[in-house]
Amino acid sequence: MEEYLFLEQLKGCSCIPEETRYLEILNYSDGENLSESHPLRSDDDFLNFLVRKGNAKDPNTFSPNVITLENPLYQSLIRNMRLPLRILETSSVVGPFFWWTLNARPSDACLQLIFRKSDVKWGDSSRGWEISLSYTVNTRVTSAYIKGTVSAEIQTVIEQLKSCSTPATHPFLLPILMLRHELSLKNDKMQQDVRAKIRMLDNALNKRYKFGGGATYGSEDDLTLDAINHILADSQARVLWKRPQAWQNSVRRMREAMVSFWEHLPDKDKRQELEKLHLDLLSCLDYVEVKLEGLEHYSYVSLERLNMLREIVESRLNAEIASQQHHLANASRRDGASMKTLAVLGSVFLPGAFLSSMFSMPFFDFSSNMNGAVSKSLWIYFVLMIPLTIIVVGSWWLLDRRTVHANEVDEDEDVAEEHMNKLEAQIMARIRKRTGARLTWNINAP
């Protein structure tokens, strides 16, 4: 079944050629060791070689159903090196992935594993890597195919492998070196840098919200809302980078594979050097596991603090929005009062004006001789009407200005902050009254 699925998967794969090299490490029983690295040509013999891939440069090199060798050559590589046939099926897996199987037949025992993390992209470039490995018990030969981008720093891992492969080698040496490299000091330093940003942001937010806007104007800690949101988003992304829980699963499966490998290894092959290296690798897994446990708690605290800071920003932003809405409501109320005053004034003067206009029409004539004339005392009407209108309108305007000024004083920032504090105190008092909680303190405390 696996053979059929592999061939079907291989038919649908596209090839993106990349620079390829091979590395051969031989440890002889007489103490002589050999390590050679050369470019890999299409007519080279793949058998009994630990193959390493040059830095992959194409951005789609880790896309699903993409290989870096021609189909016949890739098929020969998988078969001759006895690599897992499921390697093509794992081209679309996400997160750190570790899978292993052990064929425990006495005549042809073989260990196979796949270790990869190829779902990460930064912009248009891929940041992934993959390892497919097999170990033949009868020949004691470890064969592997490695592919990685520049950011994976495969060359560094290969140099470590050369230094650690003498006087004995182990099939799990390469995967554990890759694991240690992924969880190196850079990852710890990144978490510490994120925590430093959280402390800086916490201090900036406390200063910003504790004092007035003018007290910290121009300070480096007085961050804008966009800058705060950018720091929060970037910090949370960095905390979630290389999530410890995902790597803990890989470490657990790797330990299970190592235990099973050692149990099925013949006693004649359990040499002292190999046993010492095996114990060292198990100890290394213990160290990584403890390190991941501490990193898990550390990242959890960082995420909680980021959530707390985000809630502080959102609550303060909501308070500012509510304050602005309060100002708009007051302005609308003042406009409504002004319109009401105008309506009252219109209601007072409109009847008289209406009657004056009505009775001044030619349809109404109150003269006895039908020879009406304009009175010489008409100026008295204007002399009284104009000042009276000015007095009435001016009185209304002064009264309206006093009302607006009183509202503006009430809406002062300090007064609004004081009102907000009083409102919070009232809410807390109601909560304590309902829950029966009391605030206590020790007056004798130093």
Foldseek 3Di string as FASTA:
>chain_A
DLVVVLVVLLVQADADAAFWKWWAWDADPVGDIDIDIDTDDLPDDLALTATEGDADDQQCCLPQRYHRDPSVSVVNNCVRQVWRSCPNVCSPDADWDKDKDWDLDPVWTKIWMKTWHWPDDDPSHTFIKIKIWMATQVVRGIYIYIYGHVNLVVVVLVVVCVVPPPPHHDNCSSVLSSVCVVVDVVLVVLLVVLVVLLVLLVVLLCVPVVDDPVVCPPPPSVDDPVVLVVSLVVSLVSLPVPQLVRVLVVLVVVVVSLVVVVVSRDPVPPDPVNVVVSVVSVVSSVVSNVVSVVSNVSSVVSVVSSVVSVVSVVVVVVVVVVLVVVVVVVVVVLVVVVVVVVVVVCVVCVVVVVVVVVCPDPVHDDDDVPDDDDDPPPVVCVVVVVVVVVVVVVVVVVVSVVVVVVVVVCSDPVNVVVVVVVVVVVVVVVVCVVVVDDDDDDPPDD
